[in-house]
């Protein structure tokens, strides 16, 4: 099955390579989506693809390999949109 998750990551996650870290995770897992800085200092991550791969990437968002300092990850499921590729903005 295909899943789409929107995760908003809080903490010190801007200016530390966090979006590029997420891009690497998503690319390695074959997922599509995006990572973008929000004006309030958080990062919004959208990943879409196979259920297991999405779960794995979401679990890694606050893992030991994540750059910066993640204090919270708020996750919600969203309707699959059939996106391709991964963008960083």
Protein backbone atom coordinates (compact mmCIF):
# COMPACT_ATOMS: atom_id res chain seq x y z
CA UNK A 1 0.00 0.00 0.00
CA UNK A 2 0.98 3.58 -0.53
CA UNK A 3 0.95 6.03 2.36
CA UNK A 4 1.45 9.79 2.65
CA UNK A 5 2.62 11.34 5.91
CA UNK A 6 3.10 14.97 6.84
CA UNK A 7 5.50 15.45 9.75
CA UNK A 8 6.30 18.77 11.39
CA UNK A 9 9.65 18.63 13.16
CA UNK A 10 10.42 20.99 16.05
CA UNK A 11 13.69 21.86 17.71
CA UNK A 12 16.94 23.25 16.32
CA UNK A 13 16.40 21.89 12.80
CA UNK A 14 17.08 24.84 10.52
CA UNK A 15 20.57 25.73 9.36
CA UNK A 16 21.99 22.32 10.32
CA UNK A 17 21.40 20.29 7.12
CA UNK A 18 18.21 18.69 8.39
CA UNK A 19 16.26 18.99 5.12
CA UNK A 20 19.12 17.40 3.19
CA UNK A 21 19.31 14.63 5.78
CA UNK A 22 15.61 13.92 5.17
CA UNK A 23 16.13 14.03 1.41
CA UNK A 24 18.82 11.35 1.73
CA UNK A 25 16.57 9.14 3.86
CA UNK A 26 13.68 9.50 1.42
CA UNK A 27 15.85 8.90 -1.64
CA UNK A 28 17.44 5.80 -0.11
CA UNK A 29 13.95 4.47 0.70
CA UNK A 30 12.55 5.26 -2.76
CA UNK A 31 10.04 7.78 -1.40
CA UNK A 32 8.68 10.97 -2.93
CA UNK A 33 7.85 14.18 -1.11
CA UNK A 34 9.45 17.34 0.21
CA UNK A 35 11.16 19.04 3.12
CA UNK A 36 10.78 22.76 3.74
CA UNK A 37 11.63 25.28 6.40
CA UNK A 38 8.65 26.89 8.10
CA UNK A 39 8.77 30.54 9.20
CA UNK A 40 8.53 29.54 12.89
CA UNK A 41 11.77 27.50 12.83
CA UNK A 42 10.22 24.06 12.30
CA UNK A 43 10.65 21.83 9.25
CA UNK A 44 7.73 20.27 7.40
CA UNK A 45 8.46 16.85 5.92
CA UNK A 46 6.14 15.10 3.47
CA UNK A 47 6.90 11.52 2.45
CA UNK A 48 4.86 9.31 0.20
CA UNK A 49 5.40 5.71 -0.85
CA UNK A 50 5.33 2.20 0.52
CA UNK A 51 4.00 1.80 4.06
CA UNK A 52 7.14 0.21 5.53
CA UNK A 53 9.49 2.73 3.90
CA UNK A 54 7.39 5.67 5.13
CA UNK A 55 7.32 4.26 8.67
CA UNK A 56 11.08 3.80 8.59
CA UNK A 57 11.78 7.36 7.47
CA UNK A 58 9.35 8.85 9.98
CA UNK A 59 11.02 6.85 12.76
CA UNK A 60 14.42 8.26 11.74
CA UNK A 61 13.29 11.91 11.83
CA UNK A 62 14.27 12.16 15.51
CA UNK A 63 16.82 9.36 15.53
CA UNK A 64 20.44 9.53 16.58
CA UNK A 65 21.59 10.34 13.04
CA UNK A 66 19.39 13.42 12.69
CA UNK A 67 21.35 16.68 12.58
CA UNK A 68 20.52 19.48 14.99
CA UNK A 69 18.35 18.80 17.99
CA UNK A 70 14.85 17.44 17.43
CA UNK A 71 12.46 18.02 20.34
CA UNK A 72 9.19 16.89 18.77
CA UNK A 73 7.76 15.29 15.63
CA UNK A 74 4.04 15.76 14.97
CA UNK A 75 2.78 13.27 12.37
CA UNK A 76 -0.47 13.09 10.46
CA UNK A 77 -1.59 10.91 7.59
CA UNK A 78 -2.82 12.61 4.44
CA UNK A 79 -4.45 11.54 1.18
CA UNK A 80 -1.97 10.04 -1.28
CA UNK A 81 -1.30 12.47 -4.13
CA UNK A 82 0.94 10.41 -6.41
CA UNK A 83 3.89 12.81 -6.31
CA UNK A 84 7.26 11.94 -7.84
CA UNK A 85 10.73 12.95 -6.74
CA UNK A 86 11.78 14.77 -3.59
CA UNK A 87 12.13 18.53 -3.31
CA UNK A 88 13.90 20.67 -0.72
CA UNK A 89 12.77 24.27 -0.32
